[in-house]
Amino acid sequence: MGGLPPRPHPGPERRFFKKGVMHLNTTVNDDFRTIEAHIRRARVERSAAVAQSIVAAGEAIGRALRALFAAVGRGLEAERDRRAIEADVFLKRSVPRY
C-alpha cells in the first residue's frame, strides 16, 4: 500500500514532571505552620507595597500630563490673543513691536 513510511521509534519513553508533582510529603508539618503563615503575610505586604507604588506612579504621570496640557493651553491662548491683536487695527497701534 502507498502512503507515508512508518515513523521510527523516538527511543525510550521520557517523562517530564511539572512543578510540585515530585513532592513526597504534601502535608504541612506543624513545625512549619507559623513560618508559612509568616511567609504568606510577607507576600501579601509585598503585593500591597507594589500596588501602592504602581498607583503612585500613575498619579504622578497624571499630574505631569495635566501640567503639560495646561502649559500647552496657556501657550495656545497667548498665541490666539497675539493673532487677535495683530488682526485688529485699533489694538495694533497700542502694542509695541518687538
N, C-alpha and C. Protein backbone atom coordinates (compact mmCIF):
# COMPACT_ATOMS: atom_id res chain seq x y z
N MET A 1 0.83 -1.18 0.00
CA MET A 1 0.00 0.00 0.00
C MET A 1 0.87 1.24 0.00
N GLY A 2 0.33 2.28 -0.56
CA GLY A 2 1.06 3.54 -0.59
C GLY A 2 0.89 4.30 0.72
N GLY A 3 1.42 5.48 0.75
CA GLY A 3 1.27 6.31 1.96
C GLY A 3 2.61 6.64 2.55
N LEU A 4 2.56 7.11 3.74
CA LEU A 4 3.78 7.51 4.43
C LEU A 4 4.49 6.32 5.02
N PRO A 5 5.81 6.35 5.04
CA PRO A 5 6.54 5.25 5.69
C PRO A 5 6.34 5.33 7.20
N PRO A 6 6.48 4.21 7.88
CA PRO A 6 6.30 4.24 9.34
C PRO A 6 7.36 5.13 10.00
N ARG A 7 6.92 5.82 11.03
CA ARG A 7 7.84 6.71 11.76
C ARG A 7 8.74 5.88 12.67
N PRO A 8 10.01 6.24 12.75
CA PRO A 8 10.89 5.49 13.65
C PRO A 8 10.53 5.78 15.11
N HIS A 9 10.80 4.81 15.94
CA HIS A 9 10.52 4.98 17.37
C HIS A 9 11.49 6.00 17.95
N PRO A 10 11.00 6.98 18.73
CA PRO A 10 11.88 8.03 19.23
C PRO A 10 12.85 7.60 20.30
N GLY A 11 12.77 6.38 20.76
CA GLY A 11 13.68 5.93 21.79
C GLY A 11 12.92 5.66 23.07
N PRO A 12 13.65 5.63 24.17
CA PRO A 12 12.97 5.32 25.43
C PRO A 12 11.97 6.44 25.79
N GLU A 13 10.94 6.03 26.50
CA GLU A 13 9.92 7.00 26.89
C GLU A 13 10.50 7.96 27.92
N ARG A 14 10.24 9.25 27.71
CA ARG A 14 10.74 10.26 28.64
C ARG A 14 9.56 10.89 29.36
N ARG A 15 9.72 11.11 30.62
CA ARG A 15 8.66 11.74 31.40
C ARG A 15 9.16 13.08 31.91
N PHE A 16 8.33 14.06 31.74
CA PHE A 16 8.64 15.39 32.25
C PHE A 16 7.69 15.69 33.39
N PHE A 17 8.23 16.11 34.49
CA PHE A 17 7.42 16.37 35.66
C PHE A 17 7.21 17.86 35.81
N LYS A 18 5.98 18.21 36.08
CA LYS A 18 5.67 19.61 36.33
C LYS A 18 6.05 19.97 37.75
N LYS A 19 6.08 21.25 38.01
CA LYS A 19 6.47 21.74 39.33
C LYS A 19 5.48 21.22 40.37
N GLY A 20 5.99 20.65 41.41
CA GLY A 20 5.16 20.19 42.51
C GLY A 20 4.73 18.74 42.41
N VAL A 21 4.96 18.08 41.30
CA VAL A 21 4.49 16.70 41.14
C VAL A 21 5.36 15.75 41.94
N MET A 22 6.63 16.05 42.07
CA MET A 22 7.55 15.12 42.72
C MET A 22 7.62 15.28 44.24
N HIS A 23 6.78 16.14 44.79
CA HIS A 23 6.80 16.30 46.24
C HIS A 23 6.30 15.03 46.90
N LEU A 24 7.08 14.53 47.83
CA LEU A 24 6.70 13.30 48.51
C LEU A 24 5.79 13.60 49.69
N ASN A 25 6.05 14.67 50.40
CA ASN A 25 5.28 14.99 51.58
C ASN A 25 4.46 16.25 51.28
N THR A 26 3.17 16.06 51.04
CA THR A 26 2.34 17.21 50.72
C THR A 26 1.62 17.75 51.94
N THR A 27 1.67 17.05 53.04
CA THR A 27 1.03 17.56 54.26
C THR A 27 1.98 18.53 54.93
N VAL A 28 1.39 19.56 55.55
CA VAL A 28 2.20 20.59 56.20
C VAL A 28 2.51 20.15 57.62
N ASN A 29 3.77 20.17 57.94
CA ASN A 29 4.21 19.80 59.27
C ASN A 29 3.83 20.91 60.25
N ASP A 30 3.44 20.55 61.45
CA ASP A 30 3.03 21.55 62.44
C ASP A 30 4.16 22.51 62.78
N ASP A 31 5.39 22.07 62.67
CA ASP A 31 6.53 22.93 62.98
C ASP A 31 6.65 24.09 62.00
N PHE A 32 6.20 23.90 60.77
CA PHE A 32 6.37 24.91 59.74
C PHE A 32 5.14 25.78 59.52
N ARG A 33 4.04 25.53 60.22
CA ARG A 33 2.82 26.31 60.02
C ARG A 33 3.04 27.79 60.31
N THR A 34 3.70 28.11 61.38
CA THR A 34 3.92 29.53 61.72
C THR A 34 4.85 30.19 60.72
N ILE A 35 5.85 29.45 60.27
CA ILE A 35 6.78 30.01 59.28
C ILE A 35 6.04 30.27 57.97
N GLU A 36 5.21 29.32 57.54
CA GLU A 36 4.47 29.50 56.29
C GLU A 36 3.46 30.64 56.41
N ALA A 37 2.84 30.79 57.57
CA ALA A 37 1.91 31.91 57.78
C ALA A 37 2.67 33.24 57.70
N HIS A 38 3.86 33.27 58.26
CA HIS A 38 4.68 34.49 58.20
C HIS A 38 5.07 34.80 56.76
N ILE A 39 5.42 33.79 55.99
CA ILE A 39 5.78 33.99 54.59
C ILE A 39 4.58 34.49 53.80
N ARG A 40 3.38 33.93 54.06
CA ARG A 40 2.18 34.40 53.37
C ARG A 40 1.90 35.87 53.69
N ARG A 41 2.03 36.26 54.96
CA ARG A 41 1.82 37.67 55.34
C ARG A 41 2.84 38.57 54.65
N ALA A 42 4.08 38.13 54.56
CA ALA A 42 5.11 38.94 53.90
C ALA A 42 4.80 39.09 52.42
N ARG A 43 4.29 38.05 51.78
CA ARG A 43 3.94 38.15 50.36
C ARG A 43 2.77 39.10 50.15
N VAL A 44 1.79 39.06 51.05
CA VAL A 44 0.65 39.98 50.94
C VAL A 44 1.12 41.42 51.13
N GLU A 45 1.98 41.65 52.11
CA GLU A 45 2.50 43.00 52.34
C GLU A 45 3.31 43.49 51.14
N ARG A 46 4.10 42.61 50.55
CA ARG A 46 4.89 42.99 49.37
C ARG A 46 3.97 43.31 48.19
N SER A 47 2.93 42.52 48.02
CA SER A 47 1.97 42.79 46.94
C SER A 47 1.29 44.13 47.15
N ALA A 48 0.93 44.45 48.39
CA ALA A 48 0.30 45.73 48.69
C ALA A 48 1.27 46.88 48.42
N ALA A 49 2.53 46.71 48.77
CA ALA A 49 3.52 47.76 48.53
C ALA A 49 3.73 47.99 47.04
N VAL A 50 3.77 46.91 46.27
CA VAL A 50 3.94 47.04 44.82
C VAL A 50 2.72 47.74 44.21
N ALA A 51 1.54 47.37 44.69
CA ALA A 51 0.31 48.01 44.18
C ALA A 51 0.29 49.50 44.52
N GLN A 52 0.70 49.85 45.72
CA GLN A 52 0.74 51.27 46.10
C GLN A 52 1.74 52.04 45.25
N SER A 53 2.88 51.45 44.95
CA SER A 53 3.86 52.16 44.12
C SER A 53 3.37 52.31 42.69
N ILE A 54 2.63 51.33 42.18
CA ILE A 54 2.07 51.45 40.83
C ILE A 54 1.03 52.56 40.80
N VAL A 55 0.18 52.64 41.83
CA VAL A 55 -0.82 53.70 41.90
C VAL A 55 -0.15 55.06 42.01
N ALA A 56 0.88 55.16 42.83
CA ALA A 56 1.59 56.44 42.98
C ALA A 56 2.23 56.86 41.65
N ALA A 57 2.78 55.92 40.91
CA ALA A 57 3.37 56.25 39.61
C ALA A 57 2.30 56.72 38.64
N GLY A 58 1.15 56.08 38.65
CA GLY A 58 0.05 56.50 37.80
C GLY A 58 -0.44 57.90 38.13
N GLU A 59 -0.53 58.20 39.42
CA GLU A 59 -0.94 59.55 39.84
C GLU A 59 0.09 60.59 39.42
N ALA A 60 1.36 60.27 39.54
CA ALA A 60 2.41 61.21 39.15
C ALA A 60 2.37 61.46 37.64
N ILE A 61 2.14 60.42 36.87
CA ILE A 61 2.03 60.59 35.42
C ILE A 61 0.82 61.45 35.08
N GLY A 62 -0.28 61.23 35.78
CA GLY A 62 -1.48 62.03 35.56
C GLY A 62 -1.26 63.50 35.87
N ARG A 63 -0.58 63.78 36.99
CA ARG A 63 -0.28 65.18 37.34
C ARG A 63 0.63 65.82 36.30
N ALA A 64 1.62 65.08 35.84
CA ALA A 64 2.54 65.62 34.83
C ALA A 64 1.81 65.92 33.52
N LEU A 65 0.92 65.03 33.12
CA LEU A 65 0.17 65.26 31.88
C LEU A 65 -0.77 66.45 32.02
N ARG A 66 -1.42 66.60 33.19
CA ARG A 66 -2.29 67.76 33.40
C ARG A 66 -1.50 69.06 33.32
N ALA A 67 -0.31 69.06 33.93
CA ALA A 67 0.53 70.26 33.89
C ALA A 67 0.98 70.55 32.46
N LEU A 68 1.32 69.52 31.71
CA LEU A 68 1.74 69.70 30.32
C LEU A 68 0.61 70.27 29.48
N PHE A 69 -0.59 69.69 29.63
CA PHE A 69 -1.72 70.18 28.85
C PHE A 69 -2.10 71.60 29.23
N ALA A 70 -1.97 71.94 30.52
CA ALA A 70 -2.26 73.31 30.96
C ALA A 70 -1.26 74.29 30.33
N ALA A 71 0.01 73.92 30.30
CA ALA A 71 1.02 74.79 29.70
C ALA A 71 0.79 74.97 28.20
N VAL A 72 0.45 73.90 27.53
CA VAL A 72 0.16 73.99 26.10
C VAL A 72 -1.07 74.85 25.87
N GLY A 73 -2.08 74.70 26.72
CA GLY A 73 -3.28 75.51 26.61
C GLY A 73 -3.00 76.99 26.81
N ARG A 74 -2.15 77.30 27.79
CA ARG A 74 -1.79 78.71 28.02
C ARG A 74 -1.03 79.27 26.83
N GLY A 75 -0.16 78.47 26.23
CA GLY A 75 0.59 78.92 25.06
C GLY A 75 -0.33 79.16 23.87
N LEU A 76 -1.28 78.28 23.67
CA LEU A 76 -2.23 78.46 22.58
C LEU A 76 -3.11 79.69 22.81
N GLU A 77 -3.50 79.90 24.04
CA GLU A 77 -4.32 81.08 24.37
C GLU A 77 -3.54 82.36 24.11
N ALA A 78 -2.27 82.39 24.49
CA ALA A 78 -1.45 83.57 24.24
C ALA A 78 -1.27 83.80 22.74
N GLU A 79 -1.11 82.73 21.99
CA GLU A 79 -0.97 82.86 20.54
C GLU A 79 -2.26 83.40 19.91
N ARG A 80 -3.40 82.92 20.39
CA ARG A 80 -4.68 83.43 19.88
C ARG A 80 -4.84 84.92 20.19
N ASP A 81 -4.45 85.32 21.39
CA ASP A 81 -4.52 86.75 21.76
C ASP A 81 -3.60 87.58 20.87
N ARG A 82 -2.40 87.08 20.63
CA ARG A 82 -1.46 87.82 19.78
C ARG A 82 -2.02 87.97 18.36
N ARG A 83 -2.59 86.91 17.84
CA ARG A 83 -3.15 87.00 16.50
C ARG A 83 -4.37 87.92 16.44
N ALA A 84 -5.15 87.93 17.51
CA ALA A 84 -6.30 88.83 17.55
C ALA A 84 -5.85 90.29 17.58
N ILE A 85 -4.80 90.56 18.32
CA ILE A 85 -4.27 91.93 18.39
C ILE A 85 -3.72 92.34 17.04
N GLU A 86 -3.00 91.44 16.36
CA GLU A 86 -2.46 91.76 15.05
C GLU A 86 -3.56 91.99 14.01
N ALA A 87 -4.68 91.32 14.17
CA ALA A 87 -5.77 91.45 13.20
C ALA A 87 -6.59 92.72 13.43
N ASP A 88 -6.63 93.23 14.66
CA ASP A 88 -7.42 94.42 14.96
C ASP A 88 -6.58 95.67 14.71
N VAL A 89 -7.10 96.55 13.91
CA VAL A 89 -6.36 97.75 13.51
C VAL A 89 -6.15 98.68 14.71
N PHE A 90 -7.14 98.85 15.55
CA PHE A 90 -7.02 99.78 16.67
C PHE A 90 -6.09 99.25 17.76
N LEU A 91 -6.10 97.94 18.02
CA LEU A 91 -5.22 97.39 19.04
C LEU A 91 -3.78 97.30 18.55
N LYS A 92 -3.57 97.19 17.27
CA LYS A 92 -2.22 97.05 16.71
C LYS A 92 -1.37 98.27 17.04
N ARG A 93 -2.00 99.45 17.07
CA ARG A 93 -1.23 100.68 17.36
C ARG A 93 -0.77 100.72 18.81
N SER A 94 -1.58 100.15 19.73
CA SER A 94 -1.25 100.28 21.14
C SER A 94 -0.21 99.26 21.62
N VAL A 95 0.07 98.24 20.82
CA VAL A 95 1.04 97.22 21.23
C VAL A 95 2.38 97.53 20.59
N PRO A 96 3.45 97.60 21.41
CA PRO A 96 4.77 97.89 20.82
C PRO A 96 5.26 96.71 19.98
N ARG A 97 6.03 97.02 18.95
CA ARG A 97 6.60 95.97 18.09
C ARG A 97 7.91 95.47 18.68
N TYR A 98 8.16 94.22 18.56
CA TYR A 98 9.42 93.64 19.06
C TYR A 98 10.29 93.23 17.93
